[in-house]
Amino acid sequence: MGNQHYSLLSGKRILITGASGFLGFRLTEHLLREGAIVGGLARTIGRIPAMDESRNYSFFICDLEDLEDTRRKIEEFAPEIVFHLAAHPDAKEGPPQYHATIKANILATVNALEAFRACGGELFIYGDSCKVYGNAGVPTCESLPVQPLSSYAIAKVAGWEYCKLYTRLHHLASVSVRPTLVYGPGQGINLIGRVIDAVLDGQPVLKLDGGSQTRDPLYIHDAVRAYAAIAEKGRELSGRIINISGGFEITVADLALLIVELMGSKMRVETDLTRMRPTETMRSYCENQEAFEAIGWKPQVSLREGLKETVEHLSGIRSKKDKYLMKKVAGGR
């Protein structure tokens, strides 16, 4: 009885937009373990079929760009807390990307805010990004001015401004969570996955655009703990920006070399400092002191440990795929 865990989120009705994504899926798993009643909302099923059936879980297919559809689904679930994680990712710049970020990252945020306000929700937790700081400097902190360099970052800034507008007009409590590069088992395509794939493909050389730019990778389980801790604090954090990271700044080149080392590979990593995207963030690092003071959180998983888990997971998936393809080829002969 003395070791029994009690969560302040137990019994809370919590909705996650973008629930079929990497972070959304892992956060759903965590909140269900905490005893919350969770609703998942997304455009596609994604990772949801992998989740164990739970009487405390409901999933809704919804287009957040459609206000009426969003209203119906959010009203049906009637959440007390919303984690708004749905977003169009950073990608190659151009009109298609501009339009996608405006619709998926601004319009969808406004629709989610309006639907949540209409159903009398308590706390809107906005899935922001440390990319909004651009090259404003490090370490990132709540008072650091934003300098968005990409259409994705511009849209994220605009989304948070609408959250603050809803606080001023409707007293809807909202918090911005700005993580650095979130990684781990089950992740989508990013730098870490690209290096792992290159090693598994047996490539002799990996060429990087740049290499001197830094990143501060945040392991998925640490990220999930931070989001949950923010929800537990509730309305007292309204208006705050919480920056979270792994707490370790490393160059892209050194990160790639570390992965190569952990995989026991001889693959060379070549850098080209003349090839940099004009939207590139040159340094990314957060000390996490403000997050510790606000929610009692700090990362627990070291970069080496987190990368090892990620490598083992992705290698296992590749191995299963390769065996399946070999059986398919053999069967077709």
Protein backbone atom coordinates (compact mmCIF):
# COMPACT_ATOMS: atom_id res chain seq x y z
CA MET A 1 0.00 0.00 0.00
CA GLY A 2 2.89 2.36 0.78
CA ASN A 3 4.16 2.13 -2.83
CA GLN A 4 0.74 2.72 -4.40
CA HIS A 5 0.92 5.42 -7.06
CA TYR A 6 -1.71 8.14 -7.23
CA SER A 7 -1.95 10.60 -10.08
CA LEU A 8 -3.73 13.94 -10.06
CA LEU A 9 -4.83 13.04 -13.60
CA SER A 10 -6.74 9.97 -12.49
CA GLY A 11 -10.35 10.27 -13.65
CA LYS A 12 -9.65 13.43 -15.67
CA ARG A 13 -11.15 13.62 -19.15
CA ILE A 14 -8.22 14.44 -21.42
CA LEU A 15 -8.31 14.84 -25.19
CA ILE A 16 -5.21 14.57 -27.38
CA THR A 17 -5.25 15.97 -30.90
CA GLY A 18 -2.71 14.33 -33.18
CA ALA A 19 -3.16 11.20 -31.06
CA SER A 20 -1.99 8.87 -33.82
CA GLY A 21 1.41 10.57 -34.05
CA PHE A 22 4.64 9.65 -32.25
CA LEU A 23 4.26 11.93 -29.22
CA GLY A 24 0.46 11.69 -29.13
CA PHE A 25 0.48 7.91 -29.04
CA ARG A 26 3.11 7.70 -26.28
CA LEU A 27 1.32 10.37 -24.24
CA THR A 28 -1.94 8.45 -24.60
CA GLU A 29 -0.30 5.31 -23.22
CA HIS A 30 1.10 7.25 -20.27
CA LEU A 31 -2.16 9.00 -19.38
CA LEU A 32 -4.10 5.74 -19.47
CA ARG A 33 -1.60 4.26 -17.02
CA GLU A 34 -2.21 7.31 -14.81
CA GLY A 35 -5.92 6.50 -14.72
CA ALA A 36 -7.11 9.30 -16.99
CA ILE A 37 -10.09 8.97 -19.34
CA VAL A 38 -8.46 9.68 -22.69
CA GLY A 39 -9.88 10.72 -26.03
CA GLY A 40 -7.72 10.55 -29.12
CA LEU A 41 -8.47 12.76 -32.10
CA ALA A 42 -6.68 12.56 -35.44
CA ARG A 43 -7.17 12.64 -39.18
CA THR A 44 -5.96 9.03 -39.57
CA ILE A 45 -5.74 5.98 -37.35
CA GLY A 46 -1.92 5.82 -37.53
CA ARG A 47 -0.46 4.01 -34.52
CA ILE A 48 -3.82 3.56 -32.75
CA PRO A 49 -4.39 -0.12 -33.73
CA ALA A 50 -1.25 -1.02 -31.75
CA MET A 51 -2.87 0.20 -28.54
CA ASP A 52 -4.48 -2.26 -26.15
CA GLU A 53 -8.23 -1.89 -25.85
CA SER A 54 -9.24 0.17 -22.85
CA ARG A 55 -12.60 1.15 -21.51
CA ASN A 56 -11.06 4.52 -20.65
CA TYR A 57 -10.07 5.28 -24.25
CA SER A 58 -12.06 6.66 -27.18
CA PHE A 59 -10.77 7.54 -30.63
CA PHE A 60 -12.29 10.01 -33.08
CA ILE A 61 -11.46 10.55 -36.74
CA CYS A 62 -11.66 14.31 -37.19
CA ASP A 63 -10.50 17.01 -39.58
CA LEU A 64 -9.43 19.90 -37.36
CA GLU A 65 -9.52 22.22 -40.34
CA ASP A 66 -13.30 21.75 -40.34
CA LEU A 67 -14.78 23.78 -37.48
CA GLU A 68 -18.13 21.97 -37.36
CA ASP A 69 -16.51 18.53 -37.37
CA THR A 70 -14.13 19.67 -34.64
CA ARG A 71 -16.98 21.06 -32.54
CA ARG A 72 -18.99 17.84 -32.80
CA LYS A 73 -16.13 15.56 -31.82
CA ILE A 74 -14.83 17.69 -28.95
CA GLU A 75 -18.34 18.30 -27.60
CA GLU A 76 -19.03 14.55 -27.74
CA PHE A 77 -16.00 13.75 -25.59
CA ALA A 78 -16.35 16.85 -23.35
CA PRO A 79 -12.71 17.08 -22.19
CA GLU A 80 -11.46 18.96 -19.16
CA ILE A 81 -7.95 19.18 -20.62
CA VAL A 82 -6.76 19.24 -24.24
CA PHE A 83 -3.26 18.46 -25.46
CA HIS A 84 -3.14 20.06 -28.89
CA LEU A 85 -0.36 18.13 -30.64
CA ALA A 86 -1.78 17.92 -34.18
CA ALA A 87 0.42 19.80 -36.63
CA HIS A 88 1.93 19.78 -40.10
CA PRO A 89 5.70 19.22 -39.73
CA ASP A 90 8.65 21.32 -40.79
CA ALA A 91 9.45 20.54 -44.43
CA LYS A 92 10.85 21.90 -47.69
CA GLU A 93 9.73 25.48 -48.11
CA GLY A 94 7.40 26.63 -50.88
CA PRO A 95 3.72 27.46 -51.44
CA PRO A 96 2.48 23.91 -50.63
CA GLN A 97 4.28 24.07 -47.27
CA TYR A 98 3.06 27.61 -46.55
CA HIS A 99 -0.56 26.64 -47.19
CA ALA A 100 -0.27 23.39 -45.23
CA THR A 101 1.16 25.10 -42.13
CA ILE A 102 -1.45 27.86 -42.25
CA LYS A 103 -4.29 25.33 -42.39
CA ALA A 104 -2.95 22.59 -40.13
CA ASN A 105 -1.04 24.70 -37.60
CA ILE A 106 -3.03 27.93 -37.40
CA LEU A 107 -6.59 27.30 -38.59
CA ALA A 108 -6.75 23.90 -36.84
CA THR A 109 -5.49 25.49 -33.61
CA VAL A 110 -8.15 28.20 -33.75
CA ASN A 111 -10.85 25.58 -34.40
CA ALA A 112 -9.64 23.44 -31.49
CA LEU A 113 -9.61 26.48 -29.19
CA GLU A 114 -13.12 27.51 -30.21
CA ALA A 115 -14.56 24.03 -29.80
CA PHE A 116 -12.86 23.60 -26.41
CA ARG A 117 -14.11 27.00 -25.23
CA ALA A 118 -17.65 26.15 -26.30
CA CYS A 119 -17.69 22.97 -24.23
CA GLY A 120 -16.36 24.70 -21.10
CA GLY A 121 -12.89 23.18 -21.01
CA GLU A 122 -10.35 23.95 -18.26
CA LEU A 123 -6.83 23.83 -19.72
CA PHE A 124 -5.49 23.96 -23.29
CA ILE A 125 -1.91 22.65 -23.56
CA TYR A 126 -0.41 23.84 -26.83
CA GLY A 127 2.17 21.64 -28.53
CA ASP A 128 4.68 24.31 -29.49
CA SER A 129 8.31 23.98 -30.61
CA CYS A 130 11.72 25.40 -29.70
CA LYS A 131 12.11 26.10 -33.42
CA VAL A 132 10.20 29.34 -32.85
CA TYR A 133 13.35 30.83 -31.30
CA GLY A 134 15.35 30.44 -34.51
CA ASN A 135 18.77 31.93 -33.89
CA ALA A 136 17.75 34.15 -30.97
CA GLY A 137 20.38 32.46 -28.79
CA VAL A 138 20.80 29.75 -26.17
CA PRO A 139 19.93 28.56 -23.64
CA THR A 140 16.27 28.96 -24.52
CA CYS A 141 14.12 30.41 -21.77
CA GLU A 142 10.62 31.76 -21.30
CA SER A 143 11.70 35.38 -21.85
CA LEU A 144 13.73 34.74 -25.00
CA PRO A 145 12.18 36.56 -28.00
CA VAL A 146 10.96 34.44 -30.88
CA GLN A 147 12.71 34.66 -34.25
CA PRO A 148 10.94 32.10 -36.45
CA LEU A 149 12.92 31.17 -39.56
CA SER A 150 10.56 28.75 -41.29
CA SER A 151 6.89 28.64 -42.23
CA TYR A 152 6.44 25.89 -39.63
CA ALA A 153 7.92 28.07 -36.88
CA ILE A 154 5.94 31.13 -38.01
CA ALA A 155 2.71 29.12 -37.81
CA LYS A 156 3.64 27.80 -34.35
CA VAL A 157 4.17 31.37 -33.12
CA ALA A 158 0.79 32.38 -34.54
CA GLY A 159 -0.93 29.42 -32.90
CA TRP A 160 0.37 30.41 -29.47
CA GLU A 161 -0.72 34.01 -30.04
CA TYR A 162 -4.27 32.74 -30.65
CA CYS A 163 -4.07 30.74 -27.41
CA LYS A 164 -3.19 33.95 -25.57
CA LEU A 165 -6.02 35.77 -27.34
CA TYR A 166 -8.50 33.16 -26.10
CA THR A 167 -7.13 33.64 -22.60
CA ARG A 168 -7.70 37.40 -22.80
CA LEU A 169 -11.17 37.17 -24.36
CA HIS A 170 -12.58 34.01 -22.77
CA HIS A 171 -10.33 33.30 -19.75
CA LEU A 172 -9.40 29.93 -21.26
CA ALA A 173 -6.25 28.73 -19.48
CA SER A 174 -3.47 27.76 -21.88
CA VAL A 175 0.16 26.70 -21.64
CA SER A 176 2.80 26.48 -24.38
CA VAL A 177 5.18 23.50 -24.32
CA ARG A 178 8.30 23.97 -26.45
CA PRO A 179 10.36 20.79 -26.76
CA THR A 180 13.61 20.41 -28.66
CA LEU A 181 14.16 17.41 -30.99
CA VAL A 182 12.01 14.59 -29.56
CA TYR A 183 13.28 11.12 -30.45
CA GLY A 184 12.98 7.50 -29.40
CA PRO A 185 11.45 4.14 -30.32
CA GLY A 186 8.56 4.66 -32.73
CA GLN A 187 9.79 8.03 -34.01
CA GLY A 188 9.16 9.35 -37.48
CA ILE A 189 11.80 10.50 -39.94
CA ASN A 190 14.45 12.79 -38.43
CA LEU A 191 18.23 13.16 -38.32
CA ILE A 192 18.65 10.29 -35.86
CA GLY A 193 16.55 7.93 -37.95
CA ARG A 194 18.39 8.93 -41.10
CA VAL A 195 21.78 8.01 -39.58
CA ILE A 196 20.48 4.70 -38.25
CA ASP A 197 19.00 3.83 -41.66
CA ALA A 198 22.26 4.71 -43.40
CA VAL A 199 24.19 2.32 -41.16
CA LEU A 200 21.63 -0.45 -41.60
CA ASP A 201 21.75 0.07 -45.38
CA GLY A 202 25.50 -0.44 -45.28
CA GLN A 203 26.33 2.96 -46.70
CA PRO A 204 30.09 3.65 -46.56
CA VAL A 205 29.63 7.41 -46.24
CA LEU A 206 26.93 9.70 -44.84
CA LYS A 207 27.01 13.27 -46.11
CA LEU A 208 25.52 15.97 -43.90
CA ASP A 209 24.39 19.43 -44.94
CA GLY A 210 26.36 21.50 -42.48
CA GLY A 211 27.31 19.58 -39.36
CA SER A 212 28.33 22.36 -36.99
CA GLN A 213 24.74 23.23 -36.06
CA THR A 214 23.75 21.88 -32.64
CA ARG A 215 20.77 19.96 -31.33
CA ASP A 216 19.56 19.03 -27.84
CA PRO A 217 17.69 15.71 -28.29
CA LEU A 218 14.89 14.91 -25.85
CA TYR A 219 13.97 11.27 -25.25
CA ILE A 220 10.29 10.48 -25.77
CA HIS A 221 9.63 9.13 -22.27
CA ASP A 222 11.09 12.26 -20.68
CA ALA A 223 8.96 14.43 -22.99
CA VAL A 224 5.80 12.55 -22.02
CA ARG A 225 6.54 12.99 -18.31
CA ALA A 226 6.88 16.74 -18.81
CA TYR A 227 3.56 17.06 -20.65
CA ALA A 228 1.79 15.06 -17.93
CA ALA A 229 3.38 17.16 -15.17
CA ILE A 230 2.11 20.32 -16.85
CA ALA A 231 -1.41 18.88 -16.95
CA GLU A 232 -1.18 18.03 -13.24
CA LYS A 233 -0.28 21.63 -12.39
CA GLY A 234 -3.35 22.80 -14.28
CA ARG A 235 -4.55 26.38 -14.52
CA GLU A 236 -1.83 27.83 -12.31
CA LEU A 237 0.53 27.64 -15.29
CA SER A 238 -1.80 29.55 -17.62
CA GLY A 239 0.09 31.91 -19.88
CA ARG A 240 3.43 30.20 -19.26
CA ILE A 241 5.89 28.88 -21.83
CA ILE A 242 7.63 25.69 -20.73
CA ASN A 243 10.79 24.80 -22.64
CA ILE A 244 11.97 21.19 -22.32
CA SER A 245 15.01 19.37 -23.66
CA GLY A 246 17.46 16.58 -23.04
CA GLY A 247 19.80 19.15 -21.49
CA PHE A 248 22.81 18.24 -23.64
CA GLU A 249 23.95 20.33 -26.63
CA ILE A 250 25.73 18.38 -29.37
CA THR A 251 26.69 19.18 -32.95
CA VAL A 252 24.85 17.36 -35.71
CA ALA A 253 28.15 15.83 -36.82
CA ASP A 254 28.99 14.53 -33.34
CA LEU A 255 25.46 13.20 -32.92
CA ALA A 256 25.81 11.23 -36.15
CA LEU A 257 29.23 9.92 -35.07
CA LEU A 258 27.84 8.83 -31.71
CA ILE A 259 25.11 6.80 -33.41
CA VAL A 260 27.69 5.22 -35.74
CA GLU A 261 29.80 4.30 -32.70
CA LEU A 262 26.85 2.80 -30.81
CA MET A 263 26.03 0.68 -33.86
CA GLY A 264 29.61 -0.55 -34.17
CA SER A 265 29.84 0.76 -37.71
CA LYS A 266 32.79 2.01 -39.77
CA MET A 267 30.63 4.39 -41.80
CA ARG A 268 32.29 7.75 -42.38
CA VAL A 269 30.44 10.98 -41.65
CA GLU A 270 31.29 13.85 -43.97
CA THR A 271 30.17 17.43 -43.37
CA ASP A 272 29.67 20.25 -45.84
CA LEU A 273 29.59 23.55 -43.99
CA THR A 274 28.76 25.37 -47.23
CA ARG A 275 25.41 23.56 -47.52
CA MET A 276 23.00 25.02 -44.97
CA ARG A 277 19.29 25.64 -45.34
CA PRO A 278 18.42 29.33 -44.99
CA THR A 279 15.89 28.26 -42.35
CA GLU A 280 18.47 26.37 -40.28
CA THR A 281 18.61 26.86 -36.51
CA MET A 282 22.31 27.00 -35.70
CA ARG A 283 22.11 26.24 -31.98
CA SER A 284 19.51 24.44 -29.89
CA TYR A 285 19.94 24.02 -26.14
CA CYS A 286 17.84 24.37 -23.00
CA GLU A 287 19.04 24.12 -19.39
CA ASN A 288 15.58 23.03 -18.10
CA GLN A 289 15.90 25.14 -14.95
CA GLU A 290 12.57 26.89 -15.55
CA ALA A 291 10.82 23.57 -16.19
CA PHE A 292 12.23 22.20 -12.93
CA GLU A 293 11.02 25.22 -10.99
CA ALA A 294 7.58 25.20 -12.63
CA ILE A 295 6.73 21.47 -12.70
CA GLY A 296 9.53 19.69 -10.83
CA TRP A 297 10.72 18.05 -14.05
CA LYS A 298 14.13 17.27 -15.45
CA PRO A 299 15.24 14.70 -18.04
CA GLN A 300 16.21 11.29 -16.69
CA VAL A 301 17.42 9.47 -19.80
CA SER A 302 20.95 10.26 -21.03
CA LEU A 303 21.56 10.83 -24.73
CA ARG A 304 23.66 7.68 -25.03
CA GLU A 305 21.03 5.57 -23.28
CA GLY A 306 18.18 7.01 -25.34
CA LEU A 307 20.04 6.55 -28.62
CA LYS A 308 20.85 2.96 -27.71
CA GLU A 309 17.16 2.21 -27.11
CA THR A 310 16.23 3.91 -30.39
CA VAL A 311 18.87 2.02 -32.36
CA GLU A 312 17.76 -1.32 -30.92
CA HIS A 313 14.11 -0.58 -31.72
CA LEU A 314 14.67 0.59 -35.29
CA SER A 315 17.15 -2.22 -35.96
CA GLY A 316 14.58 -4.74 -34.75
CA ILE A 317 11.94 -3.31 -37.06
CA ARG A 318 14.31 -3.43 -40.04
CA SER A 319 15.24 -7.02 -39.22
CA LYS A 320 11.59 -8.06 -39.19
CA LYS A 321 10.95 -6.29 -42.50
CA ASP A 322 14.00 -7.91 -44.12
CA LYS A 323 12.92 -11.39 -42.98
CA TYR A 324 9.42 -10.77 -44.30
CA LEU A 325 10.75 -9.65 -47.70
CA MET A 326 13.10 -12.65 -47.90
CA LYS A 327 10.20 -15.01 -47.21
CA LYS A 328 8.06 -13.20 -49.78
CA VAL A 329 10.79 -13.45 -52.43
CA ALA A 330 11.42 -17.11 -51.62
CA GLY A 331 7.73 -17.87 -51.77
CA GLY A 332 7.40 -16.25 -55.16
CA ARG A 333 10.09 -18.39 -56.78
